[in-house]
Each structure stands twice: as C-alpha cells, then as structure tokens.
Amino acid sequence: MRWLWNLLAAFGAGALGAMGMGGGGILVIYLTLALGTEQLSAQGINLLFFLPCAVISMLINGKRRLIDWKQAGKLVAGGLPAALPGIWLAGRLQTRWLGWIFAAFLIAVGLKELFAKQKQAQK
C-alpha cells in the first residue's frame, strides 16, 4: 500500500511543479512526515529531483525565447555564492529548527502568492 502513497505524492509534487507552484514543498513534507526522512536529507532529495526538471524547463523556455538571459545571469551570479553559506548553515542547524524554518518559508511564500493574486485581480 505504501507504493500507492508514494505514487500519489510523486504525482502531486510533479503536477504542482509542472504548474509552477513548487511541488518540492509537497515532496519534502511527504518525505519528512510520511516516510520519516530527516529534514536535511529530504531537502537534498528534493534538490536532486529538481535539477533535471530545471534543465528541461530551461531548454524548452530558452528555445521559445522566454528567458531573459541577462536577468538569469544576475540571479545565478547572486544565487551561487549565497548557496554555499546556506549549505553550511543547514548542516549546522538542528533538524527541528530546519523544519520550522522550512515551514515558515512555505507559509510566507503562500501568503505572498495569495495576496499577489488578489492585487492582480483588482487591476
């Protein structure tokens, strides 16, 4: 029966990710709560599965000329150096704190998206 839950979690994460809503949140929550994976490992697994999706998305959207490469370059230039201290910090935090930080991040992003949609609808 676990295979069914694994399949449903994978489908849900993939569907949300394909719609641009961050299926990784679902994957990390499933890995930690249902399978008992440690938070840091679950986030690492999520990043591992994100890489091929990102490459495919970049190829498709780049071919359609939907990527502003100058802006993307600036984001990469800032993101890569910031990732190293983030990795270091994540490895030093207790699993419980890492989970709380992840939960706070998901709530903050959800609230931002909720209110951003309302502002767009009012225009």
PDB file of N, CA and C in Angstrom:
ATOM      1  N   MET A   1       0.814  -1.202   0.000  1.00  0.00           N
ATOM      2  CA  MET A   1       0.000   0.000   0.000  1.00  0.00           C
ATOM      3  C   MET A   1       0.856   1.264   0.000  1.00  0.00           C
ATOM      4  N   ARG A   2       2.083   1.140   0.557  1.00  0.00           N
ATOM      5  CA  ARG A   2       2.966   2.318   0.581  1.00  0.00           C
ATOM      6  C   ARG A   2       3.285   2.792  -0.828  1.00  0.00           C
ATOM      7  N   TRP A   3       3.388   1.855  -1.784  1.00  0.00           N
ATOM      8  CA  TRP A   3       3.695   2.245  -3.160  1.00  0.00           C
ATOM      9  C   TRP A   3       2.628   3.176  -3.714  1.00  0.00           C
ATOM     10  N   LEU A   4       1.380   2.990  -3.289  1.00  0.00           N
ATOM     11  CA  LEU A   4       0.295   3.861  -3.756  1.00  0.00           C
ATOM     12  C   LEU A   4       0.471   5.278  -3.215  1.00  0.00           C
ATOM     13  N   TRP A   5       0.808   5.390  -1.925  1.00  0.00           N
ATOM     14  CA  TRP A   5       1.043   6.706  -1.347  1.00  0.00           C
ATOM     15  C   TRP A   5       2.257   7.370  -1.990  1.00  0.00           C
ATOM     16  N   ASN A   6       3.299   6.587  -2.245  1.00  0.00           N
ATOM     17  CA  ASN A   6       4.480   7.128  -2.927  1.00  0.00           C
ATOM     18  C   ASN A   6       4.106   7.646  -4.312  1.00  0.00           C
ATOM     19  N   LEU A   7       3.305   6.882  -5.028  1.00  0.00           N
ATOM     20  CA  LEU A   7       2.868   7.280  -6.369  1.00  0.00           C
ATOM     21  C   LEU A   7       2.024   8.555  -6.320  1.00  0.00           C
ATOM     22  N   LEU A   8       1.099   8.618  -5.368  1.00  0.00           N
ATOM     23  CA  LEU A   8       0.253   9.811  -5.232  1.00  0.00           C
ATOM     24  C   LEU A   8       1.078  11.043  -4.862  1.00  0.00           C
ATOM     25  N   ALA A   9       2.044  10.880  -3.963  1.00  0.00           N
ATOM     26  CA  ALA A   9       2.906  12.002  -3.584  1.00  0.00           C
ATOM     27  C   ALA A   9       3.744  12.462  -4.771  1.00  0.00           C
ATOM     28  N   ALA A  10       4.285  11.507  -5.520  1.00  0.00           N
ATOM     29  CA  ALA A  10       5.083  11.860  -6.703  1.00  0.00           C
ATOM     30  C   ALA A  10       4.225  12.562  -7.752  1.00  0.00           C
ATOM     31  N   PHE A  11       3.020  12.053  -7.961  1.00  0.00           N
ATOM     32  CA  PHE A  11       2.122  12.676  -8.934  1.00  0.00           C
ATOM     33  C   PHE A  11       1.737  14.085  -8.486  1.00  0.00           C
ATOM     34  N   GLY A  12       1.397  14.238  -7.208  1.00  0.00           N
ATOM     35  CA  GLY A  12       1.016  15.555  -6.690  1.00  0.00           C
ATOM     36  C   GLY A  12       2.153  16.551  -6.784  1.00  0.00           C
ATOM     37  N   ALA A  13       3.352  16.132  -6.393  1.00  0.00           N
ATOM     38  CA  ALA A  13       4.514  17.017  -6.475  1.00  0.00           C
ATOM     39  C   ALA A  13       4.828  17.364  -7.921  1.00  0.00           C
ATOM     40  N   GLY A  14       4.752  16.374  -8.804  1.00  0.00           N
ATOM     41  CA  GLY A  14       5.019  16.634 -10.215  1.00  0.00           C
ATOM     42  C   GLY A  14       3.984  17.551 -10.839  1.00  0.00           C
ATOM     43  N   ALA A  15       2.712  17.340 -10.511  1.00  0.00           N
ATOM     44  CA  ALA A  15       1.649  18.181 -11.064  1.00  0.00           C
ATOM     45  C   ALA A  15       1.789  19.620 -10.590  1.00  0.00           C
ATOM     46  N   LEU A  16       2.032  19.804  -9.288  1.00  0.00           N
ATOM     47  CA  LEU A  16       2.200  21.162  -8.769  1.00  0.00           C
ATOM     48  C   LEU A  16       3.451  21.824  -9.352  1.00  0.00           C
ATOM     49  N   GLY A  17       4.513  21.053  -9.470  1.00  0.00           N
ATOM     50  CA  GLY A  17       5.736  21.593 -10.057  1.00  0.00           C
ATOM     51  C   GLY A  17       5.551  21.987 -11.508  1.00  0.00           C
ATOM     52  N   ALA A  18       4.808  21.183 -12.258  1.00  0.00           N
ATOM     53  CA  ALA A  18       4.561  21.493 -13.670  1.00  0.00           C
ATOM     54  C   ALA A  18       3.723  22.749 -13.836  1.00  0.00           C
ATOM     55  N   MET A  19       2.889  23.038 -12.843  1.00  0.00           N
ATOM     56  CA  MET A  19       2.063  24.244 -12.895  1.00  0.00           C
ATOM     57  C   MET A  19       2.790  25.452 -12.308  1.00  0.00           C
ATOM     58  N   GLY A  20       4.022  25.262 -11.883  1.00  0.00           N
ATOM     59  CA  GLY A  20       4.805  26.367 -11.344  1.00  0.00           C
ATOM     60  C   GLY A  20       4.492  26.706  -9.900  1.00  0.00           C
ATOM     61  N   MET A  21       3.900  25.782  -9.181  1.00  0.00           N
ATOM     62  CA  MET A  21       3.517  26.066  -7.800  1.00  0.00           C
ATOM     63  C   MET A  21       4.447  25.434  -6.774  1.00  0.00           C
ATOM     64  N   GLY A  22       5.548  24.888  -7.183  1.00  0.00           N
ATOM     65  CA  GLY A  22       6.509  24.352  -6.221  1.00  0.00           C
ATOM     66  C   GLY A  22       6.132  23.006  -5.652  1.00  0.00           C
ATOM     67  N   GLY A  23       6.228  21.986  -6.453  1.00  0.00           N
ATOM     68  CA  GLY A  23       5.924  20.642  -5.987  1.00  0.00           C
ATOM     69  C   GLY A  23       6.910  20.135  -4.961  1.00  0.00           C
ATOM     70  N   GLY A  24       8.064  20.797  -4.858  1.00  0.00           N
ATOM     71  CA  GLY A  24       9.062  20.394  -3.881  1.00  0.00           C
ATOM     72  C   GLY A  24       8.559  20.492  -2.452  1.00  0.00           C
ATOM     73  N   GLY A  25       7.693  21.449  -2.199  1.00  0.00           N
ATOM     74  CA  GLY A  25       7.112  21.571  -0.865  1.00  0.00           C
ATOM     75  C   GLY A  25       6.340  20.328  -0.484  1.00  0.00           C
ATOM     76  N   ILE A  26       5.577  19.807  -1.420  1.00  0.00           N
ATOM     77  CA  ILE A  26       4.817  18.581  -1.186  1.00  0.00           C
ATOM     78  C   ILE A  26       5.773  17.409  -0.983  1.00  0.00           C
ATOM     79  N   LEU A  27       6.801  17.338  -1.821  1.00  0.00           N
ATOM     80  CA  LEU A  27       7.752  16.230  -1.731  1.00  0.00           C
ATOM     81  C   LEU A  27       8.473  16.231  -0.387  1.00  0.00           C
ATOM     82  N   VAL A  28       8.941  17.397   0.056  1.00  0.00           N
ATOM     83  CA  VAL A  28       9.662  17.470   1.330  1.00  0.00           C
ATOM     84  C   VAL A  28       8.735  17.119   2.490  1.00  0.00           C
ATOM     85  N   ILE A  29       7.511  17.633   2.462  1.00  0.00           N
ATOM     86  CA  ILE A  29       6.558  17.326   3.530  1.00  0.00           C
ATOM     87  C   ILE A  29       6.267  15.827   3.564  1.00  0.00           C
ATOM     88  N   TYR A  30       6.060  15.222   2.401  1.00  0.00           N
ATOM     89  CA  TYR A  30       5.786  13.782   2.348  1.00  0.00           C
ATOM     90  C   TYR A  30       6.981  12.977   2.860  1.00  0.00           C
ATOM     91  N   LEU A  31       8.171  13.336   2.415  1.00  0.00           N
ATOM     92  CA  LEU A  31       9.356  12.593   2.839  1.00  0.00           C
ATOM     93  C   LEU A  31       9.564  12.680   4.349  1.00  0.00           C
ATOM     94  N   THR A  32       9.322  13.850   4.934  1.00  0.00           N
ATOM     95  CA  THR A  32       9.564  14.002   6.367  1.00  0.00           C
ATOM     96  C   THR A  32       8.439  13.420   7.213  1.00  0.00           C
ATOM     97  N   LEU A  33       7.200  13.722   6.868  1.00  0.00           N
ATOM     98  CA  LEU A  33       6.089  13.282   7.717  1.00  0.00           C
ATOM     99  C   LEU A  33       5.692  11.823   7.479  1.00  0.00           C
ATOM    100  N   ALA A  34       5.595  11.416   6.231  1.00  0.00           N
ATOM    101  CA  ALA A  34       5.105  10.062   5.932  1.00  0.00           C
ATOM    102  C   ALA A  34       6.216   9.018   5.976  1.00  0.00           C
ATOM    103  N   LEU A  35       7.399   9.384   5.515  1.00  0.00           N
ATOM    104  CA  LEU A  35       8.470   8.392   5.432  1.00  0.00           C
ATOM    105  C   LEU A  35       9.516   8.530   6.524  1.00  0.00           C
ATOM    106  N   GLY A  36       9.440   9.594   7.329  1.00  0.00           N
ATOM    107  CA  GLY A  36      10.367   9.770   8.439  1.00  0.00           C
ATOM    108  C   GLY A  36      11.770  10.165   8.036  1.00  0.00           C
ATOM    109  N   THR A  37      11.920  10.729   6.855  1.00  0.00           N
ATOM    110  CA  THR A  37      13.227  11.190   6.390  1.00  0.00           C
ATOM    111  C   THR A  37      13.616  12.456   7.148  1.00  0.00           C
ATOM    112  N   GLU A  38      14.879  12.606   7.500  1.00  0.00           N
ATOM    113  CA  GLU A  38      15.324  13.829   8.161  1.00  0.00           C
ATOM    114  C   GLU A  38      15.165  15.001   7.212  1.00  0.00           C
ATOM    115  N   GLN A  39      14.905  16.177   7.788  1.00  0.00           N
ATOM    116  CA  GLN A  39      14.622  17.380   7.002  1.00  0.00           C
ATOM    117  C   GLN A  39      15.740  17.691   6.003  1.00  0.00           C
ATOM    118  N   LEU A  40      16.971  17.668   6.445  1.00  0.00           N
ATOM    119  CA  LEU A  40      18.098  17.998   5.573  1.00  0.00           C
ATOM    120  C   LEU A  40      18.196  17.016   4.407  1.00  0.00           C
ATOM    121  N   SER A  41      18.006  15.739   4.680  1.00  0.00           N
ATOM    122  CA  SER A  41      18.038  14.730   3.616  1.00  0.00           C
ATOM    123  C   SER A  41      16.879  14.916   2.651  1.00  0.00           C
ATOM    124  N   ALA A  42      15.688  15.214   3.195  1.00  0.00           N
ATOM    125  CA  ALA A  42      14.512  15.428   2.336  1.00  0.00           C
ATOM    126  C   ALA A  42      14.723  16.622   1.413  1.00  0.00           C
ATOM    127  N   GLN A  43      15.307  17.688   1.936  1.00  0.00           N
ATOM    128  CA  GLN A  43      15.571  18.858   1.101  1.00  0.00           C
ATOM    129  C   GLN A  43      16.634  18.548   0.050  1.00  0.00           C
ATOM    130  N   GLY A  44      17.615  17.740   0.411  1.00  0.00           N
ATOM    131  CA  GLY A  44      18.627  17.338  -0.570  1.00  0.00           C
ATOM    132  C   GLY A  44      18.030  16.482  -1.675  1.00  0.00           C
ATOM    133  N   ILE A  45      17.154  15.558  -1.311  1.00  0.00           N
ATOM    134  CA  ILE A  45      16.467  14.719  -2.306  1.00  0.00           C
ATOM    135  C   ILE A  45      15.624  15.598  -3.219  1.00  0.00           C
ATOM    136  N   ASN A  46      14.930  16.574  -2.638  1.00  0.00           N
ATOM    137  CA  ASN A  46      14.117  17.489  -3.428  1.00  0.00           C
ATOM    138  C   ASN A  46      14.974  18.243  -4.441  1.00  0.00           C
ATOM    139  N   LEU A  47      16.117  18.741  -4.014  1.00  0.00           N
ATOM    140  CA  LEU A  47      17.004  19.458  -4.933  1.00  0.00           C
ATOM    141  C   LEU A  47      17.536  18.541  -6.028  1.00  0.00           C
ATOM    142  N   LEU A  48      17.824  17.300  -5.673  1.00  0.00           N
ATOM    143  CA  LEU A  48      18.305  16.335  -6.657  1.00  0.00           C
ATOM    144  C   LEU A  48      17.262  16.105  -7.749  1.00  0.00           C
ATOM    145  N   PHE A  49      15.987  15.982  -7.353  1.00  0.00           N
ATOM    146  CA  PHE A  49      14.924  15.779  -8.330  1.00  0.00           C
ATOM    147  C   PHE A  49      14.591  17.058  -9.093  1.00  0.00           C
ATOM    148  N   PHE A  50      14.911  18.201  -8.523  1.00  0.00           N
ATOM    149  CA  PHE A  50      14.640  19.479  -9.177  1.00  0.00           C
ATOM    150  C   PHE A  50      15.570  19.717 -10.364  1.00  0.00           C
ATOM    151  N   LEU A  51      16.801  19.258 -10.271  1.00  0.00           N
ATOM    152  CA  LEU A  51      17.795  19.561 -11.308  1.00  0.00           C
ATOM    153  C   LEU A  51      17.381  19.137 -12.712  1.00  0.00           C
ATOM    154  N   PRO A  52      16.938  17.892 -12.954  1.00  0.00           N
ATOM    155  CA  PRO A  52      16.539  17.551 -14.321  1.00  0.00           C
ATOM    156  C   PRO A  52      15.322  18.353 -14.783  1.00  0.00           C
ATOM    157  N   CYS A  53      14.404  18.646 -13.879  1.00  0.00           N
ATOM    158  CA  CYS A  53      13.240  19.464 -14.252  1.00  0.00           C
ATOM    159  C   CYS A  53      13.676  20.857 -14.667  1.00  0.00           C
ATOM    160  N   ALA A  54      14.628  21.420 -13.939  1.00  0.00           N
ATOM    161  CA  ALA A  54      15.123  22.758 -14.257  1.00  0.00           C
ATOM    162  C   ALA A  54      15.828  22.787 -15.604  1.00  0.00           C
ATOM    163  N   VAL A  55      16.616  21.767 -15.890  1.00  0.00           N
ATOM    164  CA  VAL A  55      17.325  21.715 -17.169  1.00  0.00           C
ATOM    165  C   VAL A  55      16.332  21.607 -18.329  1.00  0.00           C
ATOM    166  N   ILE A  56      15.349  20.745 -18.195  1.00  0.00           N
ATOM    167  CA  ILE A  56      14.339  20.590 -19.252  1.00  0.00           C
ATOM    168  C   ILE A  56      13.564  21.887 -19.441  1.00  0.00           C
ATOM    169  N   SER A  57      13.171  22.509 -18.345  1.00  0.00           N
ATOM    170  CA  SER A  57      12.440  23.773 -18.411  1.00  0.00           C
ATOM    171  C   SER A  57      13.283  24.854 -19.075  1.00  0.00           C
ATOM    172  N   MET A  58      14.559  24.906 -18.726  1.00  0.00           N
ATOM    173  CA  MET A  58      15.447  25.897 -19.322  1.00  0.00           C
ATOM    174  C   MET A  58      15.592  25.676 -20.824  1.00  0.00           C
ATOM    175  N   LEU A  59      15.718  24.433 -21.236  1.00  0.00           N
ATOM    176  CA  LEU A  59      15.851  24.143 -22.662  1.00  0.00           C
ATOM    177  C   LEU A  59      14.582  24.520 -23.433  1.00  0.00           C
ATOM    178  N   ILE A  60      13.436  24.149 -22.912  1.00  0.00           N
ATOM    179  CA  ILE A  60      12.170  24.440 -23.596  1.00  0.00           C
ATOM    180  C   ILE A  60      11.917  25.940 -23.646  1.00  0.00           C
ATOM    181  N   ASN A  61      12.041  26.609 -22.507  1.00  0.00           N
ATOM    182  CA  ASN A  61      11.761  28.039 -22.463  1.00  0.00           C
ATOM    183  C   ASN A  61      12.831  28.859 -23.168  1.00  0.00           C
ATOM    184  N   GLY A  62      14.072  28.381 -23.150  1.00  0.00           N
ATOM    185  CA  GLY A  62      15.129  29.060 -23.899  1.00  0.00           C
ATOM    186  C   GLY A  62      14.893  28.976 -25.398  1.00  0.00           C
ATOM    187  N   LYS A  63      14.452  27.811 -25.864  1.00  0.00           N
ATOM    188  CA  LYS A  63      14.156  27.635 -27.289  1.00  0.00           C
ATOM    189  C   LYS A  63      13.010  28.543 -27.727  1.00  0.00           C
ATOM    190  N   ARG A  64      12.049  28.758 -26.842  1.00  0.00           N
ATOM    191  CA  ARG A  64      10.903  29.627 -27.147  1.00  0.00           C
ATOM    192  C   ARG A  64      11.210  31.105 -26.897  1.00  0.00           C
ATOM    193  N   ARG A  65      12.443  31.385 -26.514  1.00  0.00           N
ATOM    194  CA  ARG A  65      12.897  32.755 -26.238  1.00  0.00           C
ATOM    195  C   ARG A  65      12.079  33.422 -25.124  1.00  0.00           C
ATOM    196  N   LEU A  66      11.794  32.650 -24.089  1.00  0.00           N
ATOM    197  CA  LEU A  66      11.023  33.158 -22.952  1.00  0.00           C
ATOM    198  C   LEU A  66      11.903  33.473 -21.747  1.00  0.00           C
ATOM    199  N   ILE A  67      13.207  33.359 -21.918  1.00  0.00           N
ATOM    200  CA  ILE A  67      14.133  33.606 -20.811  1.00  0.00           C
ATOM    201  C   ILE A  67      14.901  34.889 -21.079  1.00  0.00           C
ATOM    202  N   ASP A  68      14.915  35.760 -20.102  1.00  0.00           N
ATOM    203  CA  ASP A  68      15.752  36.967 -20.147  1.00  0.00           C
ATOM    204  C   ASP A  68      17.118  36.546 -19.610  1.00  0.00           C
ATOM    205  N   TRP A  69      18.053  36.246 -20.516  1.00  0.00           N
ATOM    206  CA  TRP A  69      19.329  35.676 -20.124  1.00  0.00           C
ATOM    207  C   TRP A  69      20.171  36.625 -19.279  1.00  0.00           C
ATOM    208  N   LYS A  70      20.042  37.944 -19.507  1.00  0.00           N
ATOM    209  CA  LYS A  70      20.780  38.901 -18.675  1.00  0.00           C
ATOM    210  C   LYS A  70      20.299  38.828 -17.231  1.00  0.00           C
ATOM    211  N   GLN A  71      18.982  38.812 -17.049  1.00  0.00           N
ATOM    212  CA  GLN A  71      18.421  38.720 -15.705  1.00  0.00           C
ATOM    213  C   GLN A  71      18.769  37.374 -15.069  1.00  0.00           C
ATOM    214  N   ALA A  72      18.704  36.310 -15.854  1.00  0.00           N
ATOM    215  CA  ALA A  72      19.050  34.982 -15.343  1.00  0.00           C
ATOM    216  C   ALA A  72      20.506  34.950 -14.892  1.00  0.00           C
ATOM    217  N   GLY A  73      21.378  35.574 -15.653  1.00  0.00           N
ATOM    218  CA  GLY A  73      22.794  35.638 -15.279  1.00  0.00           C
ATOM    219  C   GLY A  73      23.007  36.356 -13.955  1.00  0.00           C
ATOM    220  N   LYS A  74      22.274  37.445 -13.747  1.00  0.00           N
ATOM    221  CA  LYS A  74      22.372  38.175 -12.478  1.00  0.00           C
ATOM    222  C   LYS A  74      21.891  37.314 -11.314  1.00  0.00           C
ATOM    223  N   LEU A  75      20.807  36.578 -11.531  1.00  0.00           N
ATOM    224  CA  LEU A  75      20.283  35.714 -10.471  1.00  0.00           C
ATOM    225  C   LEU A  75      21.262  34.591 -10.136  1.00  0.00           C
ATOM    226  N   VAL A  76      21.877  34.015 -11.154  1.00  0.00           N
ATOM    227  CA  VAL A  76      22.868  32.955 -10.929  1.00  0.00           C
ATOM    228  C   VAL A  76      24.090  33.524 -10.211  1.00  0.00           C
ATOM    229  N   ALA A  77      24.524  34.713 -10.635  1.00  0.00           N
ATOM    230  CA  ALA A  77      25.702  35.338 -10.015  1.00  0.00           C
ATOM    231  C   ALA A  77      25.476  35.612  -8.527  1.00  0.00           C
ATOM    232  N   GLY A  78      24.244  35.919  -8.147  1.00  0.00           N
ATOM    233  CA  GLY A  78      23.949  36.138  -6.735  1.00  0.00           C
ATOM    234  C   GLY A  78      23.600  34.858  -5.999  1.00  0.00           C
ATOM    235  N   GLY A  79      22.946  33.940  -6.687  1.00  0.00           N
ATOM    236  CA  GLY A  79      22.471  32.720  -6.045  1.00  0.00           C
ATOM    237  C   GLY A  79      23.554  31.713  -5.726  1.00  0.00           C
ATOM    238  N   LEU A  80      24.484  31.527  -6.626  1.00  0.00           N
ATOM    239  CA  LEU A  80      25.531  30.520  -6.389  1.00  0.00           C
ATOM    240  C   LEU A  80      26.401  30.855  -5.179  1.00  0.00           C
ATOM    241  N   PRO A  81      26.905  32.088  -5.059  1.00  0.00           N
ATOM    242  CA  PRO A  81      27.696  32.378  -3.855  1.00  0.00           C
ATOM    243  C   PRO A  81      26.866  32.314  -2.569  1.00  0.00           C
ATOM    244  N   ALA A  82      25.587  32.642  -2.640  1.00  0.00           N
ATOM    245  CA  ALA A  82      24.730  32.593  -1.455  1.00  0.00           C
ATOM    246  C   ALA A  82      24.401  31.154  -1.064  1.00  0.00           C
ATOM    247  N   ALA A  83      24.465  30.229  -2.006  1.00  0.00           N
ATOM    248  CA  ALA A  83      24.147  28.831  -1.716  1.00  0.00           C
ATOM    249  C   ALA A  83      25.172  28.201  -0.776  1.00  0.00           C
ATOM    250  N   LEU A  84      26.414  28.572  -0.900  1.00  0.00           N
ATOM    251  CA  LEU A  84      27.459  27.963  -0.075  1.00  0.00           C
ATOM    252  C   LEU A  84      27.262  28.242   1.418  1.00  0.00           C
ATOM    253  N   PRO A  85      27.035  29.496   1.834  1.00  0.00           N
ATOM    254  CA  PRO A  85      26.742  29.704   3.261  1.00  0.00           C
ATOM    255  C   PRO A  85      25.429  29.033   3.681  1.00  0.00           C
ATOM    256  N   GLY A  86      24.471  28.960   2.776  1.00  0.00           N
ATOM    257  CA  GLY A  86      23.208  28.291   3.097  1.00  0.00           C
ATOM    258  C   GLY A  86      23.403  26.809   3.361  1.00  0.00           C
ATOM    259  N   ILE A  87      24.226  26.170   2.561  1.00  0.00           N
ATOM    260  CA  ILE A  87      24.542  24.747   2.766  1.00  0.00           C
ATOM    261  C   ILE A  87      25.255  24.563   4.102  1.00  0.00           C
ATOM    262  N   TRP A  88      26.210  25.432   4.366  1.00  0.00           N
ATOM    263  CA  TRP A  88      26.956  25.356   5.623  1.00  0.00           C
ATOM    264  C   TRP A  88      26.015  25.514   6.813  1.00  0.00           C
ATOM    265  N   LEU A  89      25.124  26.517   6.745  1.00  0.00           N
ATOM    266  CA  LEU A  89      24.194  26.772   7.846  1.00  0.00           C
ATOM    267  C   LEU A  89      23.213  25.614   8.031  1.00  0.00           C
ATOM    268  N   ALA A  90      22.700  25.083   6.941  1.00  0.00           N
ATOM    269  CA  ALA A  90      21.745  23.966   7.032  1.00  0.00           C
ATOM    270  C   ALA A  90      22.384  22.747   7.686  1.00  0.00           C
ATOM    271  N   GLY A  91      23.656  22.533   7.435  1.00  0.00           N
ATOM    272  CA  GLY A  91      24.354  21.409   8.044  1.00  0.00           C
ATOM    273  C   GLY A  91      24.628  21.597   9.528  1.00  0.00           C
ATOM    274  N   ARG A  92      24.582  22.837   9.997  1.00  0.00           N
ATOM    275  CA  ARG A  92      24.866  23.141  11.398  1.00  0.00           C
ATOM    276  C   ARG A  92      23.599  23.204  12.258  1.00  0.00           C
ATOM    277  N   LEU A  93      22.447  23.453  11.639  1.00  0.00           N
ATOM    278  CA  LEU A  93      21.202  23.598  12.391  1.00  0.00           C
ATOM    279  C   LEU A  93      20.660  22.250  12.828  1.00  0.00           C
ATOM    280  N   GLN A  94      19.969  22.240  13.955  1.00  0.00           N
ATOM    281  CA  GLN A  94      19.273  21.031  14.382  1.00  0.00           C
ATOM    282  C   GLN A  94      18.126  20.776  13.415  1.00  0.00           C
ATOM    283  N   THR A  95      17.805  19.509  13.213  1.00  0.00           N
ATOM    284  CA  THR A  95      16.750  19.123  12.277  1.00  0.00           C
ATOM    285  C   THR A  95      15.433  19.815  12.613  1.00  0.00           C
ATOM    286  N   ARG A  96      15.125  19.930  13.885  1.00  0.00           N
ATOM    287  CA  ARG A  96      13.872  20.564  14.289  1.00  0.00           C
ATOM    288  C   ARG A  96      13.806  22.013  13.809  1.00  0.00           C
ATOM    289  N   TRP A  97      14.904  22.763  13.967  1.00  0.00           N
ATOM    290  CA  TRP A  97      14.925  24.161  13.529  1.00  0.00           C
ATOM    291  C   TRP A  97      14.845  24.272  12.018  1.00  0.00           C
ATOM    292  N   LEU A  98      15.498  23.369  11.334  1.00  0.00           N
ATOM    293  CA  LEU A  98      15.448  23.380   9.876  1.00  0.00           C
ATOM    294  C   LEU A  98      14.016  23.163   9.391  1.00  0.00           C
ATOM    295  N   GLY A  99      13.289  22.274  10.059  1.00  0.00           N
ATOM    296  CA  GLY A  99      11.882  22.043   9.724  1.00  0.00           C
ATOM    297  C   GLY A  99      11.024  23.270   9.968  1.00  0.00           C
ATOM    298  N   TRP A 100      11.255  23.959  11.084  1.00  0.00           N
ATOM    299  CA  TRP A 100      10.483  25.169  11.384  1.00  0.00           C
ATOM    300  C   TRP A 100      10.781  26.278  10.380  1.00  0.00           C
ATOM    301  N   ILE A 101      12.035  26.424  10.010  1.00  0.00           N
ATOM    302  CA  ILE A 101      12.404  27.440   9.015  1.00  0.00           C
ATOM    303  C   ILE A 101      11.745  27.120   7.674  1.00  0.00           C
ATOM    304  N   PHE A 102      11.753  25.852   7.298  1.00  0.00           N
ATOM    305  CA  PHE A 102      11.118  25.441   6.045  1.00  0.00           C
ATOM    306  C   PHE A 102       9.617  25.719   6.085  1.00  0.00           C
ATOM    307  N   ALA A 103       8.976  25.404   7.212  1.00  0.00           N
ATOM    308  CA  ALA A 103       7.538  25.663   7.360  1.00  0.00           C
ATOM    309  C   ALA A 103       7.243  27.155   7.270  1.00  0.00           C
ATOM    310  N   ALA A 104       8.050  27.977   7.930  1.00  0.00           N
ATOM    311  CA  ALA A 104       7.852  29.427   7.877  1.00  0.00           C
ATOM    312  C   ALA A 104       8.021  29.942   6.453  1.00  0.00           C
ATOM    313  N   PHE A 105       8.995  29.396   5.735  1.00  0.00           N
ATOM    314  CA  PHE A 105       9.214  29.793   4.344  1.00  0.00           C
ATOM    315  C   PHE A 105       8.004  29.435   3.482  1.00  0.00           C
ATOM    316  N   LEU A 106       7.471  28.233   3.644  1.00  0.00           N
ATOM    317  CA  LEU A 106       6.288  27.833   2.868  1.00  0.00           C
ATOM    318  C   LEU A 106       5.088  28.720   3.179  1.00  0.00           C
ATOM    319  N   ILE A 107       4.896  29.054   4.439  1.00  0.00           N
ATOM    320  CA  ILE A 107       3.780  29.928   4.819  1.00  0.00           C
ATOM    321  C   ILE A 107       3.978  31.321   4.226  1.00  0.00           C
ATOM    322  N   ALA A 108       5.182  31.855   4.303  1.00  0.00           N
ATOM    323  CA  ALA A 108       5.454  33.193   3.763  1.00  0.00           C
ATOM    324  C   ALA A 108       5.223  33.235   2.253  1.00  0.00           C
ATOM    325  N   VAL A 109       5.702  32.232   1.543  1.00  0.00           N
ATOM    326  CA  VAL A 109       5.504  32.194   0.093  1.00  0.00           C
ATOM    327  C   VAL A 109       4.024  32.036  -0.238  1.00  0.00           C
ATOM    328  N   GLY A 110       3.324  31.196   0.514  1.00  0.00           N
ATOM    329  CA  GLY A 110       1.886  31.012   0.290  1.00  0.00           C
ATOM    330  C   GLY A 110       1.108  32.297   0.505  1.00  0.00           C
ATOM    331  N   LEU A 111       1.419  33.026   1.575  1.00  0.00           N
ATOM    332  CA  LEU A 111       0.743  34.300   1.835  1.00  0.00           C
ATOM    333  C   LEU A 111       1.053  35.329   0.755  1.00  0.00           C
ATOM    334  N   LYS A 112       2.307  35.356   0.326  1.00  0.00           N
ATOM    335  CA  LYS A 112       2.689  36.288  -0.742  1.00  0.00           C
ATOM    336  C   LYS A 112       1.901  35.986  -2.014  1.00  0.00           C
ATOM    337  N   GLU A 113       1.821  34.720  -2.366  1.00  0.00           N
ATOM    338  CA  GLU A 113       1.079  34.327  -3.563  1.00  0.00           C
ATOM    339  C   GLU A 113      -0.411  34.624  -3.425  1.00  0.00           C
ATOM    340  N   LEU A 114      -0.950  34.383  -2.267  1.00  0.00           N
ATOM    341  CA  LEU A 114      -2.368  34.632  -2.028  1.00  0.00           C
ATOM    342  C   LEU A 114      -2.711  36.107  -2.215  1.00  0.00           C
ATOM    343  N   PHE A 115      -1.906  36.972  -1.619  1.00  0.00           N
ATOM    344  CA  PHE A 115      -2.194  38.402  -1.716  1.00  0.00           C
ATOM    345  C   PHE A 115      -1.779  38.993  -3.052  1.00  0.00           C
ATOM    346  N   ALA A 116      -0.786  38.418  -3.717  1.00  0.00           N
ATOM    347  CA  ALA A 116      -0.400  38.883  -5.047  1.00  0.00           C
ATOM    348  C   ALA A 116      -1.525  38.616  -6.042  1.00  0.00           C
ATOM    349  N   LYS A 117      -2.188  37.493  -5.914  1.00  0.00           N
ATOM    350  CA  LYS A 117      -3.293  37.156  -6.819  1.00  0.00           C
ATOM    351  C   LYS A 117      -4.457  38.124  -6.620  1.00  0.00           C
ATOM    352  N   GLN A 118      -4.710  38.501  -5.358  1.00  0.00           N
ATOM    353  CA  GLN A 118      -5.793  39.427  -5.090  1.00  0.00           C
ATOM    354  C   GLN A 118      -5.502  40.797  -5.679  1.00  0.00           C
ATOM    355  N   LYS A 119      -4.259  41.245  -5.606  1.00  0.00           N
ATOM    356  CA  LYS A 119      -3.887  42.538  -6.183  1.00  0.00           C
ATOM    357  C   LYS A 119      -4.030  42.523  -7.700  1.00  0.00           C
ATOM    358  N   GLN A 120      -3.636  41.422  -8.340  1.00  0.00           N
ATOM    359  CA  GLN A 120      -3.761  41.315  -9.792  1.00  0.00           C
ATOM    360  C   GLN A 120      -5.217  41.313 -10.213  1.00  0.00           C
ATOM    361  N   ALA A 121      -6.074  40.691  -9.443  1.00  0.00           N
ATOM    362  CA  ALA A 121      -7.496  40.616  -9.779  1.00  0.00           C
ATOM    363  C   ALA A 121      -8.167  41.989  -9.668  1.00  0.00           C
ATOM    364  N   GLN A 122      -7.658  42.845  -8.784  1.00  0.00           N
ATOM    365  CA  GLN A 122      -8.235  44.166  -8.594  1.00  0.00           C
ATOM    366  C   GLN A 122      -7.880  45.121  -9.723  1.00  0.00           C
ATOM    367  N   LYS A 123      -6.826  44.875 -10.465  1.00  0.00           N
ATOM    368  CA  LYS A 123      -6.381  45.794 -11.545  1.00  0.00           C
ATOM    369  C   LYS A 123      -7.275  45.751 -12.732  1.00  0.00           C
TER     370      LYS A 123
END
